[in-house]
N, C-alpha and C. Protein backbone atom coordinates (compact mmCIF):
# COMPACT_ATOMS: atom_id res chain seq x y z
N MET A 1 -45.01 7.91 60.13
CA MET A 1 -46.01 6.93 60.48
C MET A 1 -46.75 7.37 61.75
N THR A 2 -46.05 8.11 62.61
CA THR A 2 -46.68 8.60 63.83
C THR A 2 -47.84 9.52 63.47
N ALA A 3 -47.67 10.34 62.43
CA ALA A 3 -48.74 11.25 62.02
C ALA A 3 -49.98 10.48 61.59
N PHE A 4 -49.79 9.33 60.96
CA PHE A 4 -50.93 8.52 60.54
C PHE A 4 -51.73 8.04 61.75
N PHE A 5 -51.04 7.56 62.78
CA PHE A 5 -51.74 7.07 63.96
C PHE A 5 -52.35 8.22 64.75
N GLN A 6 -51.74 9.41 64.70
CA GLN A 6 -52.38 10.58 65.31
C GLN A 6 -53.63 10.96 64.53
N TRP A 7 -53.58 10.82 63.21
CA TRP A 7 -54.75 11.10 62.39
C TRP A 7 -55.90 10.15 62.73
N LEU A 8 -55.56 8.92 63.14
CA LEU A 8 -56.58 7.96 63.56
C LEU A 8 -57.17 8.28 64.92
N GLY A 9 -56.59 9.26 65.62
CA GLY A 9 -57.14 9.69 66.89
C GLY A 9 -56.35 9.29 68.12
N LEU A 10 -55.20 8.66 67.94
CA LEU A 10 -54.38 8.28 69.09
C LEU A 10 -53.60 9.49 69.60
N PRO A 11 -53.42 9.61 70.91
CA PRO A 11 -52.54 10.67 71.42
C PRO A 11 -51.09 10.43 70.97
N PHE A 12 -50.26 11.48 71.04
CA PHE A 12 -48.91 11.39 70.48
C PHE A 12 -48.11 10.24 71.08
N GLY A 13 -48.16 10.03 72.38
CA GLY A 13 -47.39 8.97 73.03
C GLY A 13 -47.76 7.59 72.51
N TRP A 14 -49.06 7.33 72.42
CA TRP A 14 -49.52 6.04 71.91
C TRP A 14 -49.24 5.90 70.42
N ALA A 15 -49.39 7.00 69.68
CA ALA A 15 -49.12 6.96 68.24
C ALA A 15 -47.65 6.63 67.99
N TRP A 16 -46.76 7.24 68.78
CA TRP A 16 -45.33 6.95 68.64
C TRP A 16 -45.04 5.49 68.98
N PHE A 17 -45.64 5.00 70.07
CA PHE A 17 -45.43 3.61 70.50
C PHE A 17 -45.90 2.63 69.44
N VAL A 18 -47.11 2.83 68.93
CA VAL A 18 -47.67 1.93 67.91
C VAL A 18 -46.85 2.02 66.62
N ALA A 19 -46.43 3.22 66.23
CA ALA A 19 -45.62 3.38 65.02
C ALA A 19 -44.28 2.67 65.17
N THR A 20 -43.69 2.74 66.36
CA THR A 20 -42.42 2.05 66.59
C THR A 20 -42.60 0.54 66.52
N ILE A 21 -43.65 0.01 67.13
CA ILE A 21 -43.90 -1.43 67.10
C ILE A 21 -44.16 -1.89 65.66
N VAL A 22 -44.94 -1.13 64.91
CA VAL A 22 -45.22 -1.48 63.51
C VAL A 22 -43.92 -1.44 62.70
N GLY A 23 -43.08 -0.44 62.93
CA GLY A 23 -41.80 -0.36 62.23
C GLY A 23 -40.90 -1.54 62.54
N ILE A 24 -40.87 -1.95 63.80
CA ILE A 24 -40.07 -3.11 64.19
C ILE A 24 -40.59 -4.36 63.50
N LEU A 25 -41.90 -4.53 63.47
CA LEU A 25 -42.48 -5.71 62.83
C LEU A 25 -42.24 -5.71 61.32
N VAL A 26 -42.30 -4.53 60.71
CA VAL A 26 -42.08 -4.44 59.26
C VAL A 26 -40.65 -4.85 58.91
N ILE A 27 -39.72 -4.59 59.81
CA ILE A 27 -38.32 -4.97 59.57
C ILE A 27 -38.06 -6.40 60.00
N ALA A 28 -38.54 -6.80 61.18
CA ALA A 28 -38.17 -8.09 61.77
C ALA A 28 -38.86 -9.28 61.09
N LEU A 29 -40.13 -9.15 60.76
CA LEU A 29 -40.84 -10.30 60.19
C LEU A 29 -40.28 -10.75 58.84
N PRO A 30 -40.00 -9.84 57.89
CA PRO A 30 -39.38 -10.33 56.65
C PRO A 30 -37.99 -10.94 56.87
N LEU A 31 -37.24 -10.41 57.83
CA LEU A 31 -35.93 -10.99 58.12
C LEU A 31 -36.07 -12.42 58.63
N MET A 32 -36.99 -12.63 59.56
CA MET A 32 -37.18 -13.97 60.11
C MET A 32 -37.73 -14.93 59.05
N LEU A 33 -38.60 -14.43 58.19
CA LEU A 33 -39.12 -15.26 57.11
C LEU A 33 -38.01 -15.62 56.12
N ALA A 34 -37.12 -14.67 55.84
CA ALA A 34 -36.00 -14.94 54.94
C ALA A 34 -35.07 -15.99 55.54
N VAL A 35 -34.83 -15.91 56.84
CA VAL A 35 -33.98 -16.92 57.49
C VAL A 35 -34.64 -18.29 57.39
N ALA A 36 -35.95 -18.36 57.60
CA ALA A 36 -36.65 -19.64 57.50
C ALA A 36 -36.54 -20.21 56.09
N MET A 37 -36.64 -19.35 55.08
CA MET A 37 -36.55 -19.84 53.71
C MET A 37 -35.12 -20.24 53.34
N ILE A 38 -34.13 -19.55 53.89
CA ILE A 38 -32.74 -19.94 53.65
C ILE A 38 -32.46 -21.30 54.28
N ILE A 39 -33.00 -21.52 55.48
CA ILE A 39 -32.85 -22.83 56.13
C ILE A 39 -33.52 -23.91 55.29
N TYR A 40 -34.69 -23.60 54.75
CA TYR A 40 -35.40 -24.56 53.89
C TYR A 40 -34.56 -24.90 52.66
N ALA A 41 -34.01 -23.87 52.01
CA ALA A 41 -33.18 -24.11 50.83
C ALA A 41 -31.94 -24.92 51.20
N ASP A 42 -31.35 -24.62 52.35
CA ASP A 42 -30.18 -25.36 52.81
C ASP A 42 -30.51 -26.83 53.01
N ARG A 43 -31.64 -27.11 53.61
CA ARG A 43 -32.05 -28.51 53.82
C ARG A 43 -32.31 -29.22 52.49
N LYS A 44 -32.94 -28.53 51.56
CA LYS A 44 -33.21 -29.15 50.26
C LYS A 44 -31.91 -29.43 49.50
N ILE A 45 -30.97 -28.50 49.57
CA ILE A 45 -29.70 -28.70 48.87
C ILE A 45 -28.92 -29.86 49.47
N TRP A 46 -28.84 -29.90 50.81
CA TRP A 46 -28.12 -31.00 51.45
C TRP A 46 -28.82 -32.34 51.22
N ALA A 47 -30.14 -32.32 51.16
CA ALA A 47 -30.87 -33.56 50.87
C ALA A 47 -30.56 -34.04 49.45
N ALA A 48 -30.48 -33.11 48.50
CA ALA A 48 -30.16 -33.50 47.13
C ALA A 48 -28.74 -34.03 47.02
N MET A 49 -27.83 -33.44 47.78
CA MET A 49 -26.44 -33.91 47.74
C MET A 49 -26.30 -35.30 48.35
N ALA A 50 -27.13 -35.60 49.37
CA ALA A 50 -27.07 -36.91 50.03
C ALA A 50 -28.05 -37.91 49.42
N LEU A 51 -28.70 -37.51 48.32
CA LEU A 51 -29.69 -38.35 47.64
C LEU A 51 -30.83 -38.78 48.57
N ARG A 52 -31.30 -37.81 49.39
CA ARG A 52 -32.46 -38.04 50.26
C ARG A 52 -33.64 -37.22 49.73
N ARG A 53 -34.79 -37.43 50.32
CA ARG A 53 -35.98 -36.71 49.87
C ARG A 53 -35.99 -35.28 50.39
N GLY A 54 -35.47 -35.03 51.57
CA GLY A 54 -35.45 -33.68 52.12
C GLY A 54 -36.64 -33.39 52.99
N PRO A 55 -36.76 -32.15 53.45
CA PRO A 55 -37.83 -31.79 54.39
C PRO A 55 -39.14 -31.52 53.67
N ASN A 56 -39.89 -32.55 53.37
CA ASN A 56 -41.17 -32.33 52.69
C ASN A 56 -42.31 -32.99 53.44
N VAL A 57 -42.21 -33.10 54.74
CA VAL A 57 -43.23 -33.77 55.53
C VAL A 57 -44.24 -32.78 56.09
N VAL A 58 -43.79 -31.63 56.57
CA VAL A 58 -44.66 -30.67 57.24
C VAL A 58 -45.11 -29.60 56.26
N GLY A 59 -46.39 -29.55 55.99
CA GLY A 59 -46.93 -28.53 55.10
C GLY A 59 -46.66 -28.83 53.63
N PRO A 60 -47.13 -27.95 52.76
CA PRO A 60 -46.90 -28.16 51.33
C PRO A 60 -45.43 -27.98 50.98
N LEU A 61 -44.85 -28.99 50.38
CA LEU A 61 -43.44 -29.00 49.96
C LEU A 61 -42.46 -28.83 51.12
N GLY A 62 -42.93 -29.01 52.35
CA GLY A 62 -42.06 -28.87 53.51
C GLY A 62 -41.77 -27.44 53.90
N LEU A 63 -42.59 -26.49 53.44
CA LEU A 63 -42.34 -25.08 53.72
C LEU A 63 -42.51 -24.73 55.20
N LEU A 64 -43.25 -25.54 55.94
CA LEU A 64 -43.49 -25.24 57.35
C LEU A 64 -42.53 -26.00 58.27
N GLN A 65 -41.50 -26.65 57.71
CA GLN A 65 -40.58 -27.45 58.51
C GLN A 65 -39.83 -26.59 59.53
N SER A 66 -39.39 -25.40 59.15
CA SER A 66 -38.66 -24.53 60.09
C SER A 66 -39.56 -24.11 61.24
N PHE A 67 -40.83 -23.84 60.95
CA PHE A 67 -41.75 -23.45 62.02
C PHE A 67 -42.05 -24.64 62.93
N ALA A 68 -42.13 -25.84 62.36
CA ALA A 68 -42.32 -27.04 63.18
C ALA A 68 -41.11 -27.28 64.07
N ASP A 69 -39.91 -27.04 63.54
CA ASP A 69 -38.71 -27.19 64.35
C ASP A 69 -38.68 -26.17 65.49
N GLY A 70 -39.09 -24.94 65.20
CA GLY A 70 -39.15 -23.92 66.25
C GLY A 70 -40.15 -24.28 67.33
N LEU A 71 -41.31 -24.79 66.93
CA LEU A 71 -42.32 -25.22 67.91
C LEU A 71 -41.79 -26.38 68.74
N LYS A 72 -41.07 -27.28 68.11
CA LYS A 72 -40.49 -28.42 68.83
C LYS A 72 -39.49 -27.94 69.89
N VAL A 73 -38.70 -26.94 69.55
CA VAL A 73 -37.72 -26.42 70.50
C VAL A 73 -38.42 -25.79 71.70
N PHE A 74 -39.50 -25.04 71.45
CA PHE A 74 -40.20 -24.39 72.55
C PHE A 74 -40.94 -25.37 73.44
N LEU A 75 -41.34 -26.52 72.92
CA LEU A 75 -42.09 -27.49 73.70
C LEU A 75 -41.21 -28.52 74.40
N GLN A 76 -39.92 -28.50 74.13
CA GLN A 76 -39.03 -29.46 74.78
C GLN A 76 -38.81 -29.08 76.24
N GLU A 77 -38.50 -30.08 77.03
CA GLU A 77 -38.19 -29.85 78.44
C GLU A 77 -36.82 -29.18 78.53
N THR A 78 -36.75 -28.14 79.36
CA THR A 78 -35.51 -27.42 79.54
C THR A 78 -34.71 -28.07 80.66
N ILE A 79 -33.51 -28.49 80.36
CA ILE A 79 -32.62 -29.08 81.36
C ILE A 79 -31.59 -28.02 81.73
N ILE A 80 -31.65 -27.58 82.97
CA ILE A 80 -30.76 -26.53 83.45
C ILE A 80 -29.68 -27.17 84.32
N PRO A 81 -28.41 -26.93 84.01
CA PRO A 81 -27.34 -27.48 84.85
C PRO A 81 -27.46 -26.97 86.28
N SER A 82 -27.12 -27.80 87.23
CA SER A 82 -27.30 -27.44 88.64
C SER A 82 -26.43 -26.27 89.07
N SER A 83 -25.28 -26.09 88.45
CA SER A 83 -24.39 -25.00 88.85
C SER A 83 -24.64 -23.71 88.05
N ALA A 84 -25.60 -23.72 87.15
CA ALA A 84 -25.86 -22.55 86.30
C ALA A 84 -26.83 -21.59 86.98
N ASN A 85 -26.71 -20.31 86.63
CA ASN A 85 -27.67 -19.31 87.06
C ASN A 85 -28.93 -19.52 86.22
N LYS A 86 -30.04 -19.86 86.89
CA LYS A 86 -31.25 -20.27 86.17
C LYS A 86 -31.80 -19.16 85.27
N VAL A 87 -31.90 -17.94 85.82
CA VAL A 87 -32.47 -16.83 85.05
C VAL A 87 -31.59 -16.51 83.85
N LEU A 88 -30.29 -16.41 84.06
CA LEU A 88 -29.37 -16.09 82.97
C LEU A 88 -29.35 -17.21 81.92
N PHE A 89 -29.44 -18.45 82.37
CA PHE A 89 -29.45 -19.59 81.45
C PHE A 89 -30.69 -19.55 80.55
N LEU A 90 -31.82 -19.10 81.09
CA LEU A 90 -33.06 -19.08 80.31
C LEU A 90 -33.16 -17.87 79.38
N ILE A 91 -32.60 -16.71 79.79
CA ILE A 91 -32.75 -15.52 78.95
C ILE A 91 -31.58 -15.31 77.98
N ALA A 92 -30.52 -16.12 78.07
CA ALA A 92 -29.37 -15.95 77.18
C ALA A 92 -29.75 -16.07 75.70
N PRO A 93 -30.57 -17.05 75.28
CA PRO A 93 -30.95 -17.09 73.86
C PRO A 93 -31.77 -15.88 73.42
N ILE A 94 -32.61 -15.36 74.31
CA ILE A 94 -33.41 -14.18 73.99
C ILE A 94 -32.50 -12.98 73.79
N ILE A 95 -31.51 -12.83 74.66
CA ILE A 95 -30.56 -11.72 74.54
C ILE A 95 -29.79 -11.83 73.22
N THR A 96 -29.34 -13.00 72.88
CA THR A 96 -28.58 -13.20 71.64
C THR A 96 -29.43 -12.87 70.42
N PHE A 97 -30.68 -13.33 70.41
CA PHE A 97 -31.58 -13.06 69.29
C PHE A 97 -31.87 -11.56 69.18
N THR A 98 -32.10 -10.90 70.31
CA THR A 98 -32.38 -9.47 70.31
C THR A 98 -31.19 -8.67 69.80
N VAL A 99 -30.00 -9.02 70.25
CA VAL A 99 -28.80 -8.32 69.81
C VAL A 99 -28.61 -8.48 68.30
N ALA A 100 -28.94 -9.65 67.78
CA ALA A 100 -28.80 -9.86 66.34
C ALA A 100 -29.78 -8.99 65.55
N LEU A 101 -30.93 -8.69 66.12
CA LEU A 101 -31.94 -7.89 65.41
C LEU A 101 -31.79 -6.38 65.60
N ILE A 102 -31.17 -5.92 66.70
CA ILE A 102 -31.13 -4.48 66.95
C ILE A 102 -30.23 -3.74 65.97
N VAL A 103 -29.34 -4.44 65.32
CA VAL A 103 -28.47 -3.78 64.33
C VAL A 103 -29.30 -3.23 63.18
N TRP A 104 -30.39 -3.89 62.84
CA TRP A 104 -31.22 -3.46 61.71
C TRP A 104 -31.97 -2.16 61.99
N ALA A 105 -31.94 -1.66 63.22
CA ALA A 105 -32.68 -0.45 63.56
C ALA A 105 -32.11 0.79 62.88
N VAL A 106 -30.83 0.81 62.60
CA VAL A 106 -30.21 2.02 62.04
C VAL A 106 -29.88 1.89 60.56
N ILE A 107 -30.22 0.79 59.94
CA ILE A 107 -29.92 0.61 58.52
C ILE A 107 -31.03 1.25 57.69
N PRO A 108 -30.70 2.24 56.85
CA PRO A 108 -31.74 2.88 56.02
C PRO A 108 -32.12 1.97 54.85
N PHE A 109 -33.42 1.82 54.65
CA PHE A 109 -33.90 0.97 53.57
C PHE A 109 -34.22 1.78 52.32
N GLN A 110 -34.58 3.04 52.49
CA GLN A 110 -34.79 4.00 51.40
C GLN A 110 -34.47 5.37 51.97
N ALA A 111 -34.56 6.39 51.14
CA ALA A 111 -34.34 7.74 51.64
C ALA A 111 -35.43 8.08 52.65
N GLY A 112 -35.04 8.30 53.88
CA GLY A 112 -35.99 8.66 54.93
C GLY A 112 -36.69 7.49 55.59
N VAL A 113 -36.41 6.26 55.16
CA VAL A 113 -37.06 5.08 55.75
C VAL A 113 -36.03 4.35 56.61
N VAL A 114 -36.00 4.72 57.87
CA VAL A 114 -35.11 4.10 58.84
C VAL A 114 -35.85 4.05 60.16
N LEU A 115 -35.68 2.97 60.90
CA LEU A 115 -36.42 2.81 62.15
C LEU A 115 -35.93 3.80 63.20
N SER A 116 -34.63 3.97 63.33
CA SER A 116 -34.07 4.88 64.31
C SER A 116 -32.98 5.70 63.64
N ASN A 117 -33.23 6.97 63.45
CA ASN A 117 -32.29 7.84 62.76
C ASN A 117 -31.36 8.48 63.78
N ILE A 118 -30.21 7.85 64.01
CA ILE A 118 -29.24 8.40 64.96
C ILE A 118 -27.98 8.79 64.21
N ASN A 119 -27.25 9.77 64.77
CA ASN A 119 -26.07 10.29 64.09
C ASN A 119 -24.89 9.33 64.12
N VAL A 120 -24.85 8.46 65.11
CA VAL A 120 -23.71 7.56 65.27
C VAL A 120 -24.10 6.15 64.88
N GLY A 121 -24.77 6.00 63.74
CA GLY A 121 -25.28 4.71 63.30
C GLY A 121 -24.20 3.66 63.11
N LEU A 122 -23.07 4.05 62.49
CA LEU A 122 -21.99 3.09 62.27
C LEU A 122 -21.38 2.64 63.59
N LEU A 123 -21.19 3.58 64.51
CA LEU A 123 -20.67 3.22 65.83
C LEU A 123 -21.65 2.30 66.56
N TYR A 124 -22.94 2.58 66.41
CA TYR A 124 -23.97 1.72 67.01
C TYR A 124 -23.91 0.31 66.45
N ILE A 125 -23.74 0.17 65.13
CA ILE A 125 -23.66 -1.15 64.51
C ILE A 125 -22.43 -1.90 65.01
N LEU A 126 -21.29 -1.22 65.09
CA LEU A 126 -20.07 -1.86 65.58
C LEU A 126 -20.22 -2.29 67.04
N ALA A 127 -20.81 -1.42 67.86
CA ALA A 127 -20.99 -1.76 69.28
C ALA A 127 -21.96 -2.91 69.45
N ALA A 128 -23.07 -2.89 68.72
CA ALA A 128 -24.07 -3.95 68.85
C ALA A 128 -23.55 -5.28 68.32
N SER A 129 -22.75 -5.24 67.26
CA SER A 129 -22.23 -6.50 66.72
C SER A 129 -21.18 -7.12 67.63
N SER A 130 -20.58 -6.33 68.50
CA SER A 130 -19.61 -6.90 69.44
C SER A 130 -20.29 -7.59 70.61
N LEU A 131 -21.58 -7.36 70.80
CA LEU A 131 -22.30 -7.98 71.92
C LEU A 131 -22.66 -9.42 71.66
N GLY A 132 -22.90 -9.81 70.42
CA GLY A 132 -23.37 -11.16 70.11
C GLY A 132 -22.24 -12.10 69.96
């Protein structure tokens, strides 16, 4: 992919950077979309079991409910305990989310299609999974 961005006229450093960002997005966005759809299916199943209507208020058939919930979380007031480290308290969810996604960097999706081709991929997966 770096060669494609070099063909577009970008210098090697920028081409590598843009190719890496595009590769991360190609892997991360479908994963996050799949999680949102699994949450949607979970809500619909639990609603059917409890004889409720389910999440069908936001968007067509309630498909945007997970995104509305995410927006609600970001807009809520953050209450930080007085004895907590403020910076660590605020970045802990970001660290947890990042650690959950970095494992996908070494998983090959096809022959030659891997975000980061390292020799110790299994060790990397085990080490990264112990962080979360």
